[in-house]
Amino acid sequence: MNPRIARTIGYFILFASCIVMGAGAACIDVMGGVLTMIMLVVGAVLFAFSVIWMIRKVRCPHCGNLLHLKLYDISVCPYCGKSTDPDSL
């Protein structure tokens, strides 16, 4: 899988977790707080999934090292210097 696409998917899941947790915090008095707890747990699970996804999938296809998870350009691996485009294998 292309590491740039994997990082984008990870960020979408990360932002979704923030939205779910924010919505859960906004409806704190609904149903006695049960809905808040459910939404906070779902948000935390999504957050953990996005971090694990990015650590496992955002890797150089040549050397296997973890690429930057920040919004840096990852078109070239900083460790081996090769292109991270999987079509160039």
PDB file of N, CA and C in Angstrom:
ATOM      1  N   MET A   1       0.842  -1.181   0.000  1.00  0.00           N
ATOM      2  CA  MET A   1       0.000   0.000   0.000  1.00  0.00           C
ATOM      3  C   MET A   1       0.885   1.241   0.000  1.00  0.00           C
ATOM      4  N   ASN A   2       0.439   2.250  -0.708  1.00  0.00           N
ATOM      5  CA  ASN A   2       1.164   3.512  -0.779  1.00  0.00           C
ATOM      6  C   ASN A   2       1.165   4.156   0.611  1.00  0.00           C
ATOM      7  N   PRO A   3       2.339   4.486   1.162  1.00  0.00           N
ATOM      8  CA  PRO A   3       2.372   5.057   2.516  1.00  0.00           C
ATOM      9  C   PRO A   3       1.686   6.418   2.621  1.00  0.00           C
ATOM     10  N   ARG A   4       1.649   7.174   1.517  1.00  0.00           N
ATOM     11  CA  ARG A   4       0.960   8.469   1.553  1.00  0.00           C
ATOM     12  C   ARG A   4      -0.549   8.268   1.692  1.00  0.00           C
ATOM     13  N   ILE A   5      -1.087   7.274   1.014  1.00  0.00           N
ATOM     14  CA  ILE A   5      -2.523   6.970   1.135  1.00  0.00           C
ATOM     15  C   ILE A   5      -2.821   6.416   2.525  1.00  0.00           C
ATOM     16  N   ALA A   6      -1.947   5.563   3.042  1.00  0.00           N
ATOM     17  CA  ALA A   6      -2.143   4.996   4.383  1.00  0.00           C
ATOM     18  C   ALA A   6      -2.129   6.097   5.441  1.00  0.00           C
ATOM     19  N   ARG A   7      -1.237   7.082   5.275  1.00  0.00           N
ATOM     20  CA  ARG A   7      -1.191   8.187   6.233  1.00  0.00           C
ATOM     21  C   ARG A   7      -2.462   9.031   6.135  1.00  0.00           C
ATOM     22  N   THR A   8      -2.963   9.254   4.937  1.00  0.00           N
ATOM     23  CA  THR A   8      -4.200  10.017   4.752  1.00  0.00           C
ATOM     24  C   THR A   8      -5.379   9.297   5.409  1.00  0.00           C
ATOM     25  N   ILE A   9      -5.469   7.993   5.224  1.00  0.00           N
ATOM     26  CA  ILE A   9      -6.528   7.207   5.868  1.00  0.00           C
ATOM     27  C   ILE A   9      -6.405   7.307   7.386  1.00  0.00           C
ATOM     28  N   GLY A  10      -5.189   7.208   7.902  1.00  0.00           N
ATOM     29  CA  GLY A  10      -4.967   7.333   9.340  1.00  0.00           C
ATOM     30  C   GLY A  10      -5.403   8.678   9.881  1.00  0.00           C
ATOM     31  N   TYR A  11      -5.113   9.751   9.125  1.00  0.00           N
ATOM     32  CA  TYR A  11      -5.534  11.076   9.567  1.00  0.00           C
ATOM     33  C   TYR A  11      -7.049  11.243   9.519  1.00  0.00           C
ATOM     34  N   PHE A  12      -7.715  10.680   8.516  1.00  0.00           N
ATOM     35  CA  PHE A  12      -9.176  10.752   8.485  1.00  0.00           C
ATOM     36  C   PHE A  12      -9.782  10.046   9.691  1.00  0.00           C
ATOM     37  N   ILE A  13      -9.251   8.892  10.048  1.00  0.00           N
ATOM     38  CA  ILE A  13      -9.759   8.169  11.227  1.00  0.00           C
ATOM     39  C   ILE A  13      -9.458   8.970  12.497  1.00  0.00           C
ATOM     40  N   LEU A  14      -8.290   9.596  12.566  1.00  0.00           N
ATOM     41  CA  LEU A  14      -7.926  10.416  13.720  1.00  0.00           C
ATOM     42  C   LEU A  14      -8.881  11.592  13.874  1.00  0.00           C
ATOM     43  N   PHE A  15      -9.185  12.296  12.787  1.00  0.00           N
ATOM     44  CA  PHE A  15     -10.109  13.419  12.859  1.00  0.00           C
ATOM     45  C   PHE A  15     -11.524  12.949  13.199  1.00  0.00           C
ATOM     46  N   ALA A  16     -11.915  11.785  12.684  1.00  0.00           N
ATOM     47  CA  ALA A  16     -13.235  11.239  13.026  1.00  0.00           C
ATOM     48  C   ALA A  16     -13.315  10.945  14.526  1.00  0.00           C
ATOM     49  N   SER A  17     -12.220  10.455  15.099  1.00  0.00           N
ATOM     50  CA  SER A  17     -12.229  10.175  16.540  1.00  0.00           C
ATOM     51  C   SER A  17     -12.376  11.466  17.334  1.00  0.00           C
ATOM     52  N   CYS A  18     -11.748  12.540  16.875  1.00  0.00           N
ATOM     53  CA  CYS A  18     -11.887  13.829  17.562  1.00  0.00           C
ATOM     54  C   CYS A  18     -13.325  14.341  17.476  1.00  0.00           C
ATOM     55  N   ILE A  19     -13.966  14.161  16.324  1.00  0.00           N
ATOM     56  CA  ILE A  19     -15.350  14.594  16.157  1.00  0.00           C
ATOM     57  C   ILE A  19     -16.276  13.788  17.065  1.00  0.00           C
ATOM     58  N   VAL A  20     -16.064  12.473  17.122  1.00  0.00           N
ATOM     59  CA  VAL A  20     -16.911  11.622  17.967  1.00  0.00           C
ATOM     60  C   VAL A  20     -16.720  11.976  19.439  1.00  0.00           C
ATOM     61  N   MET A  21     -15.480  12.179  19.871  1.00  0.00           N
ATOM     62  CA  MET A  21     -15.252  12.536  21.277  1.00  0.00           C
ATOM     63  C   MET A  21     -15.800  13.917  21.600  1.00  0.00           C
ATOM     64  N   GLY A  22     -15.673  14.862  20.660  1.00  0.00           N
ATOM     65  CA  GLY A  22     -16.236  16.191  20.882  1.00  0.00           C
ATOM     66  C   GLY A  22     -17.748  16.163  20.967  1.00  0.00           C
ATOM     67  N   ALA A  23     -18.373  15.375  20.101  1.00  0.00           N
ATOM     68  CA  ALA A  23     -19.826  15.241  20.155  1.00  0.00           C
ATOM     69  C   ALA A  23     -20.258  14.565  21.451  1.00  0.00           C
ATOM     70  N   GLY A  24     -19.477  13.608  21.897  1.00  0.00           N
ATOM     71  CA  GLY A  24     -19.793  12.952  23.164  1.00  0.00           C
ATOM     72  C   GLY A  24     -19.683  13.906  24.342  1.00  0.00           C
ATOM     73  N   ALA A  25     -18.681  14.767  24.298  1.00  0.00           N
ATOM     74  CA  ALA A  25     -18.531  15.747  25.375  1.00  0.00           C
ATOM     75  C   ALA A  25     -19.624  16.808  25.320  1.00  0.00           C
ATOM     76  N   ALA A  26     -20.149  17.086  24.129  1.00  0.00           N
ATOM     77  CA  ALA A  26     -21.194  18.107  23.988  1.00  0.00           C
ATOM     78  C   ALA A  26     -22.535  17.628  24.522  1.00  0.00           C
ATOM     79  N   CYS A  27     -22.799  16.336  24.480  1.00  0.00           N
ATOM     80  CA  CYS A  27     -24.101  15.837  24.951  1.00  0.00           C
ATOM     81  C   CYS A  27     -23.933  15.142  26.294  1.00  0.00           C
ATOM     82  N   ILE A  28     -23.366  15.863  27.245  1.00  0.00           N
ATOM     83  CA  ILE A  28     -23.015  15.272  28.537  1.00  0.00           C
ATOM     84  C   ILE A  28     -24.245  14.937  29.396  1.00  0.00           C
ATOM     85  N   ASP A  29     -25.353  15.640  29.202  1.00  0.00           N
ATOM     86  CA  ASP A  29     -26.533  15.392  30.047  1.00  0.00           C
ATOM     87  C   ASP A  29     -27.594  14.536  29.374  1.00  0.00           C
ATOM     88  N   VAL A  30     -27.292  13.982  28.208  1.00  0.00           N
ATOM     89  CA  VAL A  30     -28.274  13.159  27.503  1.00  0.00           C
ATOM     90  C   VAL A  30     -28.227  11.739  28.054  1.00  0.00           C
ATOM     91  N   MET A  31     -29.362  11.192  28.385  1.00  0.00           N
ATOM     92  CA  MET A  31     -29.495   9.818  28.880  1.00  0.00           C
ATOM     93  C   MET A  31     -28.618   9.549  30.104  1.00  0.00           C
ATOM     94  N   GLY A  32     -28.477  10.525  30.954  1.00  0.00           N
ATOM     95  CA  GLY A  32     -27.725  10.335  32.192  1.00  0.00           C
ATOM     96  C   GLY A  32     -26.228  10.140  31.997  1.00  0.00           C
ATOM     97  N   GLY A  33     -25.703  10.576  30.905  1.00  0.00           N
ATOM     98  CA  GLY A  33     -24.268  10.460  30.656  1.00  0.00           C
ATOM     99  C   GLY A  33     -23.845   9.163  29.990  1.00  0.00           C
ATOM    100  N   VAL A  34     -24.779   8.249  29.749  1.00  0.00           N
ATOM    101  CA  VAL A  34     -24.442   6.968  29.116  1.00  0.00           C
ATOM    102  C   VAL A  34     -23.989   7.188  27.681  1.00  0.00           C
ATOM    103  N   LEU A  35     -24.695   8.051  26.964  1.00  0.00           N
ATOM    104  CA  LEU A  35     -24.327   8.352  25.578  1.00  0.00           C
ATOM    105  C   LEU A  35     -22.948   9.001  25.521  1.00  0.00           C
ATOM    106  N   THR A  36     -22.651   9.854  26.473  1.00  0.00           N
ATOM    107  CA  THR A  36     -21.335  10.486  26.531  1.00  0.00           C
ATOM    108  C   THR A  36     -20.244   9.440  26.698  1.00  0.00           C
ATOM    109  N   MET A  37     -20.440   8.520  27.612  1.00  0.00           N
ATOM    110  CA  MET A  37     -19.429   7.487  27.848  1.00  0.00           C
ATOM    111  C   MET A  37     -19.244   6.601  26.621  1.00  0.00           C
ATOM    112  N   ILE A  38     -20.339   6.239  25.960  1.00  0.00           N
ATOM    113  CA  ILE A  38     -20.250   5.400  24.759  1.00  0.00           C
ATOM    114  C   ILE A  38     -19.472   6.126  23.670  1.00  0.00           C
ATOM    115  N   MET A  39     -19.807   7.405  23.459  1.00  0.00           N
ATOM    116  CA  MET A  39     -19.133   8.157  22.403  1.00  0.00           C
ATOM    117  C   MET A  39     -17.666   8.396  22.739  1.00  0.00           C
ATOM    118  N   LEU A  40     -17.337   8.617  23.995  1.00  0.00           N
ATOM    119  CA  LEU A  40     -15.936   8.794  24.379  1.00  0.00           C
ATOM    120  C   LEU A  40     -15.141   7.499  24.192  1.00  0.00           C
ATOM    121  N   VAL A  41     -15.747   6.375  24.510  1.00  0.00           N
ATOM    122  CA  VAL A  41     -15.065   5.094  24.323  1.00  0.00           C
ATOM    123  C   VAL A  41     -14.873   4.804  22.831  1.00  0.00           C
ATOM    124  N   VAL A  42     -15.909   5.052  22.034  1.00  0.00           N
ATOM    125  CA  VAL A  42     -15.790   4.841  20.589  1.00  0.00           C
ATOM    126  C   VAL A  42     -14.721   5.760  20.013  1.00  0.00           C
ATOM    127  N   GLY A  43     -14.685   7.009  20.450  1.00  0.00           N
ATOM    128  CA  GLY A  43     -13.658   7.944  19.991  1.00  0.00           C
ATOM    129  C   GLY A  43     -12.262   7.507  20.381  1.00  0.00           C
ATOM    130  N   ALA A  44     -12.118   6.999  21.601  1.00  0.00           N
ATOM    131  CA  ALA A  44     -10.809   6.523  22.050  1.00  0.00           C
ATOM    132  C   ALA A  44     -10.353   5.307  21.252  1.00  0.00           C
ATOM    133  N   VAL A  45     -11.300   4.419  20.944  1.00  0.00           N
ATOM    134  CA  VAL A  45     -10.963   3.241  20.134  1.00  0.00           C
ATOM    135  C   VAL A  45     -10.544   3.664  18.733  1.00  0.00           C
ATOM    136  N   LEU A  46     -11.274   4.608  18.137  1.00  0.00           N
ATOM    137  CA  LEU A  46     -10.897   5.114  16.808  1.00  0.00           C
ATOM    138  C   LEU A  46      -9.523   5.779  16.837  1.00  0.00           C
ATOM    139  N   PHE A  47      -9.253   6.535  17.888  1.00  0.00           N
ATOM    140  CA  PHE A  47      -7.948   7.188  18.027  1.00  0.00           C
ATOM    141  C   PHE A  47      -6.829   6.155  18.101  1.00  0.00           C
ATOM    142  N   ALA A  48      -7.012   5.147  18.946  1.00  0.00           N
ATOM    143  CA  ALA A  48      -5.997   4.103  19.077  1.00  0.00           C
ATOM    144  C   ALA A  48      -5.817   3.348  17.761  1.00  0.00           C
ATOM    145  N   PHE A  49      -6.918   3.069  17.070  1.00  0.00           N
ATOM    146  CA  PHE A  49      -6.837   2.385  15.784  1.00  0.00           C
ATOM    147  C   PHE A  49      -6.059   3.209  14.770  1.00  0.00           C
ATOM    148  N   SER A  50      -6.288   4.533  14.746  1.00  0.00           N
ATOM    149  CA  SER A  50      -5.577   5.366  13.771  1.00  0.00           C
ATOM    150  C   SER A  50      -4.086   5.402  14.054  1.00  0.00           C
ATOM    151  N   VAL A  51      -3.702   5.457  15.315  1.00  0.00           N
ATOM    152  CA  VAL A  51      -2.270   5.461  15.654  1.00  0.00           C
ATOM    153  C   VAL A  51      -1.631   4.128  15.279  1.00  0.00           C
ATOM    154  N   ILE A  52      -2.281   3.036  15.610  1.00  0.00           N
ATOM    155  CA  ILE A  52      -1.750   1.713  15.268  1.00  0.00           C
ATOM    156  C   ILE A  52      -1.688   1.541  13.754  1.00  0.00           C
ATOM    157  N   TRP A  53      -2.728   1.987  13.048  1.00  0.00           N
ATOM    158  CA  TRP A  53      -2.764   1.905  11.577  1.00  0.00           C
ATOM    159  C   TRP A  53      -1.563   2.634  10.980  1.00  0.00           C
ATOM    160  N   MET A  54      -1.328   3.864  11.448  1.00  0.00           N
ATOM    161  CA  MET A  54      -0.236   4.646  10.864  1.00  0.00           C
ATOM    162  C   MET A  54       1.129   4.057  11.204  1.00  0.00           C
ATOM    163  N   ILE A  55       1.299   3.531  12.398  1.00  0.00           N
ATOM    164  CA  ILE A  55       2.587   2.928  12.755  1.00  0.00           C
ATOM    165  C   ILE A  55       2.840   1.668  11.932  1.00  0.00           C
ATOM    166  N   ARG A  56       1.807   0.911  11.651  1.00  0.00           N
ATOM    167  CA  ARG A  56       1.989  -0.335  10.885  1.00  0.00           C
ATOM    168  C   ARG A  56       2.068  -0.123   9.381  1.00  0.00           C
ATOM    169  N   LYS A  57       1.357   0.884   8.832  1.00  0.00           N
ATOM    170  CA  LYS A  57       1.222   1.017   7.384  1.00  0.00           C
ATOM    171  C   LYS A  57       2.069   2.113   6.750  1.00  0.00           C
ATOM    172  N   VAL A  58       2.474   3.129   7.513  1.00  0.00           N
ATOM    173  CA  VAL A  58       3.223   4.245   6.924  1.00  0.00           C
ATOM    174  C   VAL A  58       4.719   3.919   7.035  1.00  0.00           C
ATOM    175  N   ARG A  59       5.141   3.016   6.177  1.00  0.00           N
ATOM    176  CA  ARG A  59       6.521   2.542   6.178  1.00  0.00           C
ATOM    177  C   ARG A  59       7.085   2.574   4.766  1.00  0.00           C
ATOM    178  N   CYS A  60       8.390   2.681   4.679  1.00  0.00           N
ATOM    179  CA  CYS A  60       9.066   2.668   3.384  1.00  0.00           C
ATOM    180  C   CYS A  60       8.907   1.278   2.768  1.00  0.00           C
ATOM    181  N   PRO A  61       8.501   1.203   1.488  1.00  0.00           N
ATOM    182  CA  PRO A  61       8.355  -0.114   0.864  1.00  0.00           C
ATOM    183  C   PRO A  61       9.685  -0.807   0.588  1.00  0.00           C
ATOM    184  N   HIS A  62      10.788  -0.077   0.699  1.00  0.00           N
ATOM    185  CA  HIS A  62      12.104  -0.660   0.421  1.00  0.00           C
ATOM    186  C   HIS A  62      12.806  -1.153   1.691  1.00  0.00           C
ATOM    187  N   CYS A  63      12.940  -0.245   2.672  1.00  0.00           N
ATOM    188  CA  CYS A  63      13.693  -0.626   3.876  1.00  0.00           C
ATOM    189  C   CYS A  63      12.791  -0.953   5.064  1.00  0.00           C
ATOM    190  N   GLY A  64      11.516  -0.589   5.004  1.00  0.00           N
ATOM    191  CA  GLY A  64      10.579  -0.927   6.071  1.00  0.00           C
ATOM    192  C   GLY A  64      10.609  -0.005   7.267  1.00  0.00           C
ATOM    193  N   ASN A  65      11.388   1.074   7.229  1.00  0.00           N
ATOM    194  CA  ASN A  65      11.425   2.012   8.348  1.00  0.00           C
ATOM    195  C   ASN A  65      10.177   2.877   8.372  1.00  0.00           C
ATOM    196  N   LEU A  66       9.809   3.303   9.579  1.00  0.00           N
ATOM    197  CA  LEU A  66       8.641   4.154   9.771  1.00  0.00           C
ATOM    198  C   LEU A  66       8.916   5.534   9.186  1.00  0.00           C
ATOM    199  N   LEU A  67       8.012   6.001   8.338  1.00  0.00           N
ATOM    200  CA  LEU A  67       8.135   7.334   7.749  1.00  0.00           C
ATOM    201  C   LEU A  67       7.501   8.352   8.689  1.00  0.00           C
ATOM    202  N   HIS A  68       7.720   9.631   8.408  1.00  0.00           N
ATOM    203  CA  HIS A  68       7.179  10.693   9.255  1.00  0.00           C
ATOM    204  C   HIS A  68       5.657  10.627   9.268  1.00  0.00           C
ATOM    205  N   LEU A  69       5.088  10.695  10.456  1.00  0.00           N
ATOM    206  CA  LEU A  69       3.638  10.714  10.575  1.00  0.00           C
ATOM    207  C   LEU A  69       3.105  12.136  10.562  1.00  0.00           C
ATOM    208  N   LYS A  70       4.007  13.113  10.709  1.00  0.00           N
ATOM    209  CA  LYS A  70       3.597  14.511  10.600  1.00  0.00           C
ATOM    210  C   LYS A  70       3.355  14.823   9.138  1.00  0.00           C
ATOM    211  N   LEU A  71       2.928  16.027   8.857  1.00  0.00           N
ATOM    212  CA  LEU A  71       2.579  16.395   7.495  1.00  0.00           C
ATOM    213  C   LEU A  71       3.803  16.798   6.671  1.00  0.00           C
ATOM    214  N   TYR A  72       4.889  16.061   6.818  1.00  0.00           N
ATOM    215  CA  TYR A  72       6.074  16.256   5.986  1.00  0.00           C
ATOM    216  C   TYR A  72       5.873  15.523   4.665  1.00  0.00           C
ATOM    217  N   ASP A  73       6.680  15.899   3.679  1.00  0.00           N
ATOM    218  CA  ASP A  73       6.670  15.192   2.405  1.00  0.00           C
ATOM    219  C   ASP A  73       7.376  13.843   2.610  1.00  0.00           C
ATOM    220  N   ILE A  74       6.674  12.764   2.289  1.00  0.00           N
ATOM    221  CA  ILE A  74       7.270  11.436   2.453  1.00  0.00           C
ATOM    222  C   ILE A  74       7.418  10.741   1.109  1.00  0.00           C
ATOM    223  N   SER A  75       7.685  11.525   0.060  1.00  0.00           N
ATOM    224  CA  SER A  75       7.853  10.912  -1.261  1.00  0.00           C
ATOM    225  C   SER A  75       9.216  10.227  -1.379  1.00  0.00           C
ATOM    226  N   VAL A  76      10.161  10.599  -0.505  1.00  0.00           N
ATOM    227  CA  VAL A  76      11.483   9.966  -0.474  1.00  0.00           C
ATOM    228  C   VAL A  76      11.761   9.552   0.960  1.00  0.00           C
ATOM    229  N   CYS A  77      12.209   8.321   1.130  1.00  0.00           N
ATOM    230  CA  CYS A  77      12.520   7.804   2.470  1.00  0.00           C
ATOM    231  C   CYS A  77      13.757   8.518   3.022  1.00  0.00           C
ATOM    232  N   PRO A  78      13.687   9.049   4.266  1.00  0.00           N
ATOM    233  CA  PRO A  78      14.856   9.712   4.836  1.00  0.00           C
ATOM    234  C   PRO A  78      15.949   8.728   5.267  1.00  0.00           C
ATOM    235  N   TYR A  79      15.651   7.443   5.299  1.00  0.00           N
ATOM    236  CA  TYR A  79      16.621   6.450   5.750  1.00  0.00           C
ATOM    237  C   TYR A  79      17.405   5.829   4.600  1.00  0.00           C
ATOM    238  N   CYS A  80      16.705   5.411   3.537  1.00  0.00           N
ATOM    239  CA  CYS A  80      17.414   4.758   2.429  1.00  0.00           C
ATOM    240  C   CYS A  80      17.525   5.652   1.195  1.00  0.00           C
ATOM    241  N   GLY A  81      16.774   6.761   1.153  1.00  0.00           N
ATOM    242  CA  GLY A  81      16.865   7.709   0.058  1.00  0.00           C
ATOM    243  C   GLY A  81      16.110   7.288  -1.201  1.00  0.00           C
ATOM    244  N   LYS A  82      15.354   6.210  -1.139  1.00  0.00           N
ATOM    245  CA  LYS A  82      14.601   5.737  -2.313  1.00  0.00           C
ATOM    246  C   LYS A  82      13.191   6.307  -2.299  1.00  0.00           C
ATOM    247  N   SER A  83      12.563   6.292  -3.464  1.00  0.00           N
ATOM    248  CA  SER A  83      11.195   6.768  -3.589  1.00  0.00           C
ATOM    249  C   SER A  83      10.246   5.845  -2.827  1.00  0.00           C
ATOM    250  N   THR A  84       9.252   6.436  -2.180  1.00  0.00           N
ATOM    251  CA  THR A  84       8.289   5.632  -1.431  1.00  0.00           C
ATOM    252  C   THR A  84       7.103   5.220  -2.282  1.00  0.00           C
ATOM    253  N   ASP A  85       7.133   5.537  -3.558  1.00  0.00           N
ATOM    254  CA  ASP A  85       6.063   5.132  -4.463  1.00  0.00           C
ATOM    255  C   ASP A  85       6.166   3.613  -4.678  1.00  0.00           C
ATOM    256  N   PRO A  86       5.127   2.853  -4.297  1.00  0.00           N
ATOM    257  CA  PRO A  86       5.212   1.391  -4.430  1.00  0.00           C
ATOM    258  C   PRO A  86       5.250   0.916  -5.882  1.00  0.00           C
ATOM    259  N   ASP A  87       4.873   1.771  -6.831  1.00  0.00           N
ATOM    260  CA  ASP A  87       4.929   1.383  -8.241  1.00  0.00           C
ATOM    261  C   ASP A  87       6.354   1.397  -8.779  1.00  0.00           C
ATOM    262  N   SER A  88       7.279   1.995  -8.033  1.00  0.00           N
ATOM    263  CA  SER A  88       8.668   2.062  -8.511  1.00  0.00           C
ATOM    264  C   SER A  88       9.505   0.876  -8.039  1.00  0.00           C
ATOM    265  N   LEU A  89       8.869  -0.123  -7.468  1.00  0.00           N
ATOM    266  CA  LEU A  89       9.620  -1.298  -6.970  1.00  0.00           C
ATOM    267  C   LEU A  89      10.177  -2.081  -8.073  1.00  0.00           C
TER     268      LEU A  89
END
